[in-house]
Amino acid sequence: MRETSSGEALVGTWRPHKPRGPIAALYGSPGPKYALPGLTGASKHDPTKKTAPQFSFGSRHETKTEITPGPSYLIPSNITRVGRDGPPAYSLYSRPKDLKLFQAPGPGKYSPEHAGKSVFHSAPAYSLSGRAKEISNIQTPGPASYSLPPMLGNNTVDKSAAPSFSLYGRNKHGNFHDDLRKTPGPAAYKVVDPSIYKEKRPQISMIGRNFPPGVSTKTPGPGAHYPEMVTFTRSKAPSFSFGMRHSDYIAPLIVQMPE
């Protein structure tokens, strides 16, 4: 077993040598990145090639059938094309009631005491009834719908009105406190920090109070330390990693073809 200059072991009779001619694997190319257009179907067909005739399958048309009630209507067997066939049939009815004799009213059916208004003269009598519905629909103005013209103010009709004056608010333009120049006042400027143009005083900040560690303080235990991994106080042993052998002749894995 021999070894190369790089330390790789050679097994068998094969030895590395220079290629006699050019190998396609040594040259990089885009590979199947540029896909040719297809020759089948209608979508994305090669424009330089002829396409075969295309036919489409249509949908089935709906056939309308006549819906009949079927044998739900049963025709009696004695009915023919000329009418009903068979012997005469009779039905049975109940016995009719006897007719009552005419009963004339007797003397007790009359009340002559209630016939005074029809026989004798009487004073007129009036009854109080409810308001008819037709009258309630008539909406006429009542007395409160009219008002007399006012006698005060400037809206009098038949009287002479006294002069009236109105009070307005103070106008912001043209008065004594109107700022014609629009200049900023003293409140428009901010106070400059004296530490900018004078000697700056020392600034002291207040921090929190520190407490000495006690029993309740969480401190790391013996298992939290790894003395075998310390490399500050002693030299570290060399460490090696196992890599993966690569070859220039292995084609890359194509997961998804570009569209």
C-alpha atoms as a PDB file:
ATOM      1  CA  MET A   1       0.000   0.000   0.000  1.00  0.00           C
ATOM      2  CA  ARG A   2       1.389   3.314  -1.065  1.00  0.00           C
ATOM      3  CA  GLU A   3       0.513   6.857  -0.079  1.00  0.00           C
ATOM      4  CA  THR A   4       0.335  10.025  -2.116  1.00  0.00           C
ATOM      5  CA  SER A   5       1.945  13.320  -1.274  1.00  0.00           C
ATOM      6  CA  SER A   6      -1.260  14.437   0.427  1.00  0.00           C
ATOM      7  CA  GLY A   7      -1.269  11.394   2.715  1.00  0.00           C
ATOM      8  CA  GLU A   8      -4.124   9.458   1.012  1.00  0.00           C
ATOM      9  CA  ALA A   9      -3.733   5.665   0.813  1.00  0.00           C
ATOM     10  CA  LEU A  10      -3.836   4.091  -2.638  1.00  0.00           C
ATOM     11  CA  VAL A  11      -5.441   0.657  -2.940  1.00  0.00           C
ATOM     12  CA  GLY A  12      -5.008  -1.554  -6.001  1.00  0.00           C
ATOM     13  CA  THR A  13      -3.045  -1.051  -9.200  1.00  0.00           C
ATOM     14  CA  TRP A  14      -4.717   2.241 -10.195  1.00  0.00           C
ATOM     15  CA  ARG A  15      -2.586   5.328  -9.796  1.00  0.00           C
ATOM     16  CA  PRO A  16      -3.621   8.966 -10.384  1.00  0.00           C
ATOM     17  CA  HIS A  17      -2.543  10.353 -13.777  1.00  0.00           C
ATOM     18  CA  LYS A  18      -3.375  13.250 -16.042  1.00  0.00           C
ATOM     19  CA  PRO A  19      -6.351  12.768 -18.403  1.00  0.00           C
ATOM     20  CA  ARG A  20      -5.467  12.058 -22.023  1.00  0.00           C
ATOM     21  CA  GLY A  21      -8.218  14.340 -23.349  1.00  0.00           C
ATOM     22  CA  PRO A  22     -10.686  16.923 -22.078  1.00  0.00           C
ATOM     23  CA  ILE A  23     -13.370  15.652 -19.688  1.00  0.00           C
ATOM     24  CA  ALA A  24     -16.752  17.361 -19.615  1.00  0.00           C
ATOM     25  CA  ALA A  25     -16.919  17.060 -15.817  1.00  0.00           C
ATOM     26  CA  LEU A  26     -13.922  19.372 -15.490  1.00  0.00           C
ATOM     27  CA  TYR A  27     -15.748  22.275 -17.133  1.00  0.00           C
ATOM     28  CA  GLY A  28     -18.651  24.048 -15.440  1.00  0.00           C
ATOM     29  CA  SER A  29     -21.913  24.485 -17.334  1.00  0.00           C
ATOM     30  CA  PRO A  30     -25.414  25.632 -16.371  1.00  0.00           C
ATOM     31  CA  GLY A  31     -26.712  22.097 -16.995  1.00  0.00           C
ATOM     32  CA  PRO A  32     -30.463  21.655 -17.395  1.00  0.00           C
ATOM     33  CA  LYS A  33     -31.147  25.254 -16.413  1.00  0.00           C
ATOM     34  CA  TYR A  34     -32.177  26.236 -19.934  1.00  0.00           C
ATOM     35  CA  ALA A  35     -34.980  23.790 -20.737  1.00  0.00           C
ATOM     36  CA  LEU A  36     -36.204  23.460 -24.329  1.00  0.00           C
ATOM     37  CA  PRO A  37     -39.922  24.034 -24.971  1.00  0.00           C
ATOM     38  CA  GLY A  38     -42.068  20.946 -25.253  1.00  0.00           C
ATOM     39  CA  LEU A  39     -43.513  19.451 -28.453  1.00  0.00           C
ATOM     40  CA  THR A  40     -46.731  18.142 -26.899  1.00  0.00           C
ATOM     41  CA  GLY A  41     -49.798  19.959 -25.783  1.00  0.00           C
ATOM     42  CA  ALA A  42     -50.874  23.525 -26.502  1.00  0.00           C
ATOM     43  CA  SER A  43     -49.272  25.341 -23.559  1.00  0.00           C
ATOM     44  CA  LYS A  44     -45.612  26.432 -24.055  1.00  0.00           C
ATOM     45  CA  HIS A  45     -45.259  24.589 -27.367  1.00  0.00           C
ATOM     46  CA  ASP A  46     -42.093  25.033 -29.434  1.00  0.00           C
ATOM     47  CA  PRO A  47     -42.903  27.814 -31.936  1.00  0.00           C
ATOM     48  CA  THR A  48     -40.420  26.397 -34.482  1.00  0.00           C
ATOM     49  CA  LYS A  49     -42.311  23.097 -34.774  1.00  0.00           C
ATOM     50  CA  LYS A  50     -45.699  22.336 -36.258  1.00  0.00           C
ATOM     51  CA  THR A  51     -48.562  21.532 -33.931  1.00  0.00           C
ATOM     52  CA  ALA A  52     -51.101  18.776 -34.501  1.00  0.00           C
ATOM     53  CA  PRO A  53     -54.831  19.602 -34.649  1.00  0.00           C
ATOM     54  CA  GLN A  54     -56.444  19.968 -31.260  1.00  0.00           C
ATOM     55  CA  PHE A  55     -59.917  18.861 -30.265  1.00  0.00           C
ATOM     56  CA  SER A  56     -61.760  19.536 -27.044  1.00  0.00           C
ATOM     57  CA  PHE A  57     -64.303  17.336 -25.296  1.00  0.00           C
ATOM     58  CA  GLY A  58     -67.522  19.198 -24.614  1.00  0.00           C
ATOM     59  CA  SER A  59     -69.809  18.613 -21.688  1.00  0.00           C
ATOM     60  CA  ARG A  60     -72.910  16.447 -21.944  1.00  0.00           C
ATOM     61  CA  HIS A  61     -76.064  18.451 -22.537  1.00  0.00           C
ATOM     62  CA  GLU A  62     -78.906  18.060 -20.111  1.00  0.00           C
ATOM     63  CA  THR A  63     -81.820  16.071 -21.547  1.00  0.00           C
ATOM     64  CA  LYS A  64     -85.200  17.307 -20.460  1.00  0.00           C
ATOM     65  CA  THR A  65     -87.648  14.451 -19.926  1.00  0.00           C
ATOM     66  CA  GLU A  66     -91.368  14.824 -19.423  1.00  0.00           C
ATOM     67  CA  ILE A  67     -92.312  14.159 -15.817  1.00  0.00           C
ATOM     68  CA  THR A  68     -95.657  12.411 -15.454  1.00  0.00           C
ATOM     69  CA  PRO A  69     -97.476  11.453 -12.242  1.00  0.00           C
ATOM     70  CA  GLY A  70     -97.186   7.756 -13.119  1.00  0.00           C
ATOM     71  CA  PRO A  71     -99.608   5.169 -11.789  1.00  0.00           C
ATOM     72  CA  SER A  72    -100.655   7.308  -8.812  1.00  0.00           C
ATOM     73  CA  TYR A  73    -104.111   7.893 -10.354  1.00  0.00           C
ATOM     74  CA  LEU A  74    -106.042   4.578 -10.299  1.00  0.00           C
ATOM     75  CA  ILE A  75    -108.927   4.465 -12.772  1.00  0.00           C
ATOM     76  CA  PRO A  76    -111.885   2.321 -11.641  1.00  0.00           C
ATOM     77  CA  SER A  77    -112.460  -0.834 -13.629  1.00  0.00           C
ATOM     78  CA  ASN A  78    -116.104   0.015 -14.472  1.00  0.00           C
ATOM     79  CA  ILE A  79    -115.146   3.198 -16.350  1.00  0.00           C
ATOM     80  CA  THR A  80    -115.083   2.769 -20.125  1.00  0.00           C
ATOM     81  CA  ARG A  81    -114.537   5.137 -22.997  1.00  0.00           C
ATOM     82  CA  VAL A  82    -118.303   5.654 -23.310  1.00  0.00           C
ATOM     83  CA  GLY A  83    -119.036   6.116 -19.587  1.00  0.00           C
ATOM     84  CA  ARG A  84    -119.750   4.113 -16.435  1.00  0.00           C
ATOM     85  CA  ASP A  85    -120.673   0.465 -16.913  1.00  0.00           C
ATOM     86  CA  GLY A  86    -122.741  -1.744 -14.604  1.00  0.00           C
ATOM     87  CA  PRO A  87    -126.198  -1.972 -12.917  1.00  0.00           C
ATOM     88  CA  PRO A  88    -127.855   1.063 -11.347  1.00  0.00           C
ATOM     89  CA  ALA A  89    -126.627   1.868  -7.813  1.00  0.00           C
ATOM     90  CA  TYR A  90    -128.641   3.464  -5.047  1.00  0.00           C
ATOM     91  CA  SER A  91    -127.548   5.204  -1.875  1.00  0.00           C
ATOM     92  CA  LEU A  92    -129.274   5.199   1.539  1.00  0.00           C
ATOM     93  CA  TYR A  93    -130.255   8.466   3.200  1.00  0.00           C
ATOM     94  CA  SER A  94    -131.770   9.189   6.624  1.00  0.00           C
ATOM     95  CA  ARG A  95    -135.514   9.642   7.157  1.00  0.00           C
ATOM     96  CA  PRO A  96    -136.625  13.270   6.552  1.00  0.00           C
ATOM     97  CA  LYS A  97    -138.014  15.173   9.541  1.00  0.00           C
ATOM     98  CA  ASP A  98    -141.782  15.852   9.793  1.00  0.00           C
ATOM     99  CA  LEU A  99    -142.933  19.362   8.918  1.00  0.00           C
ATOM    100  CA  LYS A 100    -144.084  21.410  11.912  1.00  0.00           C
ATOM    101  CA  LEU A 101    -147.424  23.178  11.869  1.00  0.00           C
ATOM    102  CA  PHE A 102    -147.538  26.997  11.659  1.00  0.00           C
ATOM    103  CA  GLN A 103    -147.674  28.457  15.182  1.00  0.00           C
ATOM    104  CA  ALA A 104    -149.436  31.852  15.265  1.00  0.00           C
ATOM    105  CA  PRO A 105    -148.358  34.327  18.026  1.00  0.00           C
ATOM    106  CA  GLY A 106    -150.685  34.469  21.048  1.00  0.00           C
ATOM    107  CA  PRO A 107    -151.738  37.469  23.169  1.00  0.00           C
ATOM    108  CA  GLY A 108    -148.640  37.178  25.361  1.00  0.00           C
ATOM    109  CA  LYS A 109    -146.283  37.870  22.444  1.00  0.00           C
ATOM    110  CA  TYR A 110    -147.275  41.556  22.280  1.00  0.00           C
ATOM    111  CA  SER A 111    -146.182  44.415  24.626  1.00  0.00           C
ATOM    112  CA  PRO A 112    -148.577  47.359  24.187  1.00  0.00           C
ATOM    113  CA  GLU A 113    -146.965  49.298  27.058  1.00  0.00           C
ATOM    114  CA  HIS A 114    -143.890  49.897  24.907  1.00  0.00           C
ATOM    115  CA  ALA A 115    -145.890  51.423  22.032  1.00  0.00           C
ATOM    116  CA  GLY A 116    -146.453  54.844  23.665  1.00  0.00           C
ATOM    117  CA  LYS A 117    -143.868  56.709  21.586  1.00  0.00           C
ATOM    118  CA  SER A 118    -145.343  55.350  18.367  1.00  0.00           C
ATOM    119  CA  VAL A 119    -148.972  56.249  19.228  1.00  0.00           C
ATOM    120  CA  PHE A 120    -148.673  59.419  21.377  1.00  0.00           C
ATOM    121  CA  HIS A 121    -146.658  62.622  20.893  1.00  0.00           C
ATOM    122  CA  SER A 122    -143.395  62.820  22.883  1.00  0.00           C
ATOM    123  CA  ALA A 123    -140.606  65.391  23.384  1.00  0.00           C
ATOM    124  CA  PRO A 124    -137.517  65.083  21.182  1.00  0.00           C
ATOM    125  CA  ALA A 125    -134.797  62.892  22.651  1.00  0.00           C
ATOM    126  CA  TYR A 126    -131.124  63.018  21.719  1.00  0.00           C
ATOM    127  CA  SER A 127    -128.409  60.497  22.401  1.00  0.00           C
ATOM    128  CA  LEU A 128    -124.659  61.080  22.825  1.00  0.00           C
ATOM    129  CA  SER A 129    -122.550  58.995  20.466  1.00  0.00           C
ATOM    130  CA  GLY A 130    -118.890  58.783  19.827  1.00  0.00           C
ATOM    131  CA  ARG A 131    -117.052  60.996  17.338  1.00  0.00           C
ATOM    132  CA  ALA A 132    -117.167  59.686  13.830  1.00  0.00           C
ATOM    133  CA  LYS A 133    -113.914  58.539  12.212  1.00  0.00           C
ATOM    134  CA  GLU A 134    -114.372  60.888   9.244  1.00  0.00           C
ATOM    135  CA  ILE A 135    -114.329  63.963  11.494  1.00  0.00           C
ATOM    136  CA  SER A 136    -111.092  62.929  13.228  1.00  0.00           C
ATOM    137  CA  ASN A 137    -109.230  62.929   9.888  1.00  0.00           C
ATOM    138  CA  ILE A 138    -110.014  66.624   9.315  1.00  0.00           C
ATOM    139  CA  GLN A 139    -107.041  68.515  10.767  1.00  0.00           C
ATOM    140  CA  THR A 140    -107.999  72.150  11.139  1.00  0.00           C
ATOM    141  CA  PRO A 141    -105.805  74.676  12.972  1.00  0.00           C
ATOM    142  CA  GLY A 142    -106.835  75.415  16.544  1.00  0.00           C
ATOM    143  CA  PRO A 143    -106.647  78.683  18.463  1.00  0.00           C
ATOM    144  CA  ALA A 144    -103.088  77.997  19.595  1.00  0.00           C
ATOM    145  CA  SER A 145    -101.886  77.864  15.997  1.00  0.00           C
ATOM    146  CA  TYR A 146    -102.144  81.641  15.645  1.00  0.00           C
ATOM    147  CA  SER A 147     -99.928  84.153  17.461  1.00  0.00           C
ATOM    148  CA  LEU A 148    -100.049  87.939  17.665  1.00  0.00           C
ATOM    149  CA  PRO A 149     -97.098  89.955  16.297  1.00  0.00           C
ATOM    150  CA  PRO A 150     -94.522  90.916  18.953  1.00  0.00           C
ATOM    151  CA  MET A 151     -94.426  94.408  20.415  1.00  0.00           C
ATOM    152  CA  LEU A 152     -90.760  94.356  21.510  1.00  0.00           C
ATOM    153  CA  GLY A 153     -87.660  94.287  19.365  1.00  0.00           C
ATOM    154  CA  ASN A 154     -87.184  95.242  15.735  1.00  0.00           C
ATOM    155  CA  ASN A 155     -89.783  92.827  14.287  1.00  0.00           C
ATOM    156  CA  THR A 156     -92.905  94.869  15.091  1.00  0.00           C
ATOM    157  CA  VAL A 157     -95.562  95.001  12.351  1.00  0.00           C
ATOM    158  CA  ASP A 158     -97.872  97.958  13.042  1.00  0.00           C
ATOM    159  CA  LYS A 159     -95.802  99.804  15.664  1.00  0.00           C
ATOM    160  CA  SER A 160     -92.639 101.844  15.383  1.00  0.00           C
ATOM    161  CA  ALA A 161     -89.639 100.017  16.844  1.00  0.00           C
ATOM    162  CA  ALA A 162     -86.934 101.633  18.961  1.00  0.00           C
ATOM    163  CA  PRO A 163     -83.307 101.383  17.791  1.00  0.00           C
ATOM    164  CA  SER A 164     -81.648  98.126  18.822  1.00  0.00           C
ATOM    165  CA  PHE A 165     -77.946  97.460  19.274  1.00  0.00           C
ATOM    166  CA  SER A 166     -76.048  94.192  19.374  1.00  0.00           C
ATOM    167  CA  LEU A 167     -72.858  93.343  21.305  1.00  0.00           C
ATOM    168  CA  TYR A 168     -70.010  91.682  19.437  1.00  0.00           C
ATOM    169  CA  GLY A 169     -66.794  90.131  20.665  1.00  0.00           C
ATOM    170  CA  ARG A 170     -63.447  91.901  20.579  1.00  0.00           C
ATOM    171  CA  ASN A 171     -61.758  91.779  17.199  1.00  0.00           C
ATOM    172  CA  LYS A 172     -58.254  90.320  17.131  1.00  0.00           C
ATOM    173  CA  HIS A 173     -57.115  92.534  14.237  1.00  0.00           C
ATOM    174  CA  GLY A 174     -56.582  96.273  14.685  1.00  0.00           C
ATOM    175  CA  ASN A 175     -56.819  96.370  18.485  1.00  0.00           C
ATOM    176  CA  PHE A 176     -54.210  97.508  20.978  1.00  0.00           C
ATOM    177  CA  HIS A 177     -52.681  94.073  21.594  1.00  0.00           C
ATOM    178  CA  ASP A 178     -52.434  93.105  17.912  1.00  0.00           C
ATOM    179  CA  ASP A 179     -48.860  91.986  17.041  1.00  0.00           C
ATOM    180  CA  LEU A 180     -48.223  93.528  13.647  1.00  0.00           C
ATOM    181  CA  ARG A 181     -44.625  92.317  13.322  1.00  0.00           C
ATOM    182  CA  LYS A 182     -45.332  88.772  14.498  1.00  0.00           C
ATOM    183  CA  THR A 183     -42.151  88.649  16.565  1.00  0.00           C
ATOM    184  CA  PRO A 184     -41.464  85.866  19.078  1.00  0.00           C
ATOM    185  CA  GLY A 185     -41.894  86.684  22.732  1.00  0.00           C
ATOM    186  CA  PRO A 186     -39.690  85.768  25.697  1.00  0.00           C
ATOM    187  CA  ALA A 187     -41.477  82.448  26.146  1.00  0.00           C
ATOM    188  CA  ALA A 188     -40.518  81.330  22.619  1.00  0.00           C
ATOM    189  CA  TYR A 189     -36.886  80.715  23.642  1.00  0.00           C
ATOM    190  CA  LYS A 190     -35.675  77.857  25.810  1.00  0.00           C
ATOM    191  CA  VAL A 191     -33.269  78.382  28.699  1.00  0.00           C
ATOM    192  CA  VAL A 192     -29.754  77.283  27.769  1.00  0.00           C
ATOM    193  CA  ASP A 193     -28.045  74.825  30.082  1.00  0.00           C
ATOM    194  CA  PRO A 194     -25.292  76.693  32.004  1.00  0.00           C
ATOM    195  CA  SER A 195     -22.964  73.708  31.614  1.00  0.00           C
ATOM    196  CA  ILE A 196     -22.657  74.551  27.901  1.00  0.00           C
ATOM    197  CA  TYR A 197     -20.989  77.973  28.286  1.00  0.00           C
ATOM    198  CA  LYS A 198     -19.617  77.562  31.841  1.00  0.00           C
ATOM    199  CA  GLU A 199     -17.578  74.979  33.671  1.00  0.00           C
ATOM    200  CA  LYS A 200     -19.583  71.805  34.100  1.00  0.00           C
ATOM    201  CA  ARG A 201     -20.138  70.670  37.648  1.00  0.00           C
ATOM    202  CA  PRO A 202     -19.406  67.070  38.649  1.00  0.00           C
ATOM    203  CA  GLN A 203     -22.377  64.754  38.395  1.00  0.00           C
ATOM    204  CA  ILE A 204     -22.854  61.934  40.846  1.00  0.00           C
ATOM    205  CA  SER A 205     -25.337  59.131  40.382  1.00  0.00           C
ATOM    206  CA  MET A 206     -26.924  57.017  43.089  1.00  0.00           C
ATOM    207  CA  ILE A 207     -26.836  53.262  42.668  1.00  0.00           C
ATOM    208  CA  GLY A 208     -28.586  50.547  44.586  1.00  0.00           C
ATOM    209  CA  ARG A 209     -27.329  49.193  47.886  1.00  0.00           C
ATOM    210  CA  ASN A 210     -25.115  46.120  47.656  1.00  0.00           C
ATOM    211  CA  PHE A 211     -25.716  43.325  50.151  1.00  0.00           C
ATOM    212  CA  PRO A 212     -23.036  40.746  51.063  1.00  0.00           C
ATOM    213  CA  PRO A 213     -23.795  37.156  50.019  1.00  0.00           C
ATOM    214  CA  GLY A 214     -25.630  35.183  52.630  1.00  0.00           C
ATOM    215  CA  VAL A 215     -27.288  31.795  53.035  1.00  0.00           C
ATOM    216  CA  SER A 216     -30.092  32.578  50.577  1.00  0.00           C
ATOM    217  CA  THR A 217     -27.670  33.711  47.843  1.00  0.00           C
ATOM    218  CA  LYS A 218     -27.628  31.353  44.845  1.00  0.00           C
ATOM    219  CA  THR A 219     -24.001  30.311  44.250  1.00  0.00           C
ATOM    220  CA  PRO A 220     -22.727  27.685  41.749  1.00  0.00           C
ATOM    221  CA  GLY A 221     -22.053  24.215  43.169  1.00  0.00           C
ATOM    222  CA  PRO A 222     -19.243  21.771  42.399  1.00  0.00           C
ATOM    223  CA  GLY A 223     -21.091  20.331  39.423  1.00  0.00           C
ATOM    224  CA  ALA A 224     -21.303  23.695  37.659  1.00  0.00           C
ATOM    225  CA  HIS A 225     -17.550  23.791  36.934  1.00  0.00           C
ATOM    226  CA  TYR A 226     -15.622  21.799  34.285  1.00  0.00           C
ATOM    227  CA  PRO A 227     -11.923  21.834  35.180  1.00  0.00           C
ATOM    228  CA  GLU A 228     -11.059  19.419  32.371  1.00  0.00           C
ATOM    229  CA  MET A 229     -12.106  22.031  29.796  1.00  0.00           C
ATOM    230  CA  VAL A 230      -9.887  24.822  31.165  1.00  0.00           C
ATOM    231  CA  THR A 231      -7.260  25.911  28.590  1.00  0.00           C
ATOM    232  CA  PHE A 232      -6.100  29.199  30.169  1.00  0.00           C
ATOM    233  CA  THR A 233      -3.631  27.671  32.633  1.00  0.00           C
ATOM    234  CA  ARG A 234      -2.303  24.875  30.393  1.00  0.00           C
ATOM    235  CA  SER A 235      -1.788  24.128  26.736  1.00  0.00           C
ATOM    236  CA  LYS A 236      -4.630  22.591  24.801  1.00  0.00           C
ATOM    237  CA  ALA A 237      -4.184  19.240  23.067  1.00  0.00           C
ATOM    238  CA  PRO A 238      -4.616  19.251  19.252  1.00  0.00           C
ATOM    239  CA  SER A 239      -8.132  18.406  18.055  1.00  0.00           C
ATOM    240  CA  PHE A 240      -9.094  17.045  14.643  1.00  0.00           C
ATOM    241  CA  SER A 241     -12.427  16.838  12.828  1.00  0.00           C
ATOM    242  CA  PHE A 242     -13.505  14.281  10.242  1.00  0.00           C
ATOM    243  CA  GLY A 243     -14.464  15.938   6.980  1.00  0.00           C
ATOM    244  CA  MET A 244     -16.219  14.644   3.864  1.00  0.00           C
ATOM    245  CA  ARG A 245     -14.354  13.582   0.718  1.00  0.00           C
ATOM    246  CA  HIS A 246     -15.375  15.624  -2.323  1.00  0.00           C
ATOM    247  CA  SER A 247     -14.890  14.830  -5.985  1.00  0.00           C
ATOM    248  CA  ASP A 248     -14.985  17.097  -9.049  1.00  0.00           C
ATOM    249  CA  TYR A 249     -16.710  14.389 -11.073  1.00  0.00           C
ATOM    250  CA  ILE A 250     -19.831  14.121  -8.899  1.00  0.00           C
ATOM    251  CA  ALA A 251     -22.835  15.897 -10.415  1.00  0.00           C
ATOM    252  CA  PRO A 252     -24.774  18.154  -8.040  1.00  0.00           C
ATOM    253  CA  LEU A 253     -28.187  17.027  -6.790  1.00  0.00           C
ATOM    254  CA  ILE A 254     -31.032  18.889  -8.546  1.00  0.00           C
ATOM    255  CA  VAL A 255     -34.031  18.997  -6.236  1.00  0.00           C
ATOM    256  CA  GLN A 256     -36.489  20.971  -8.420  1.00  0.00           C
ATOM    257  CA  MET A 257     -36.301  21.730 -12.106  1.00  0.00           C
ATOM    258  CA  PRO A 258     -36.666  25.424 -12.967  1.00  0.00           C
ATOM    259  CA  GLU A 259     -39.824  26.349 -14.787  1.00  0.00           C
END
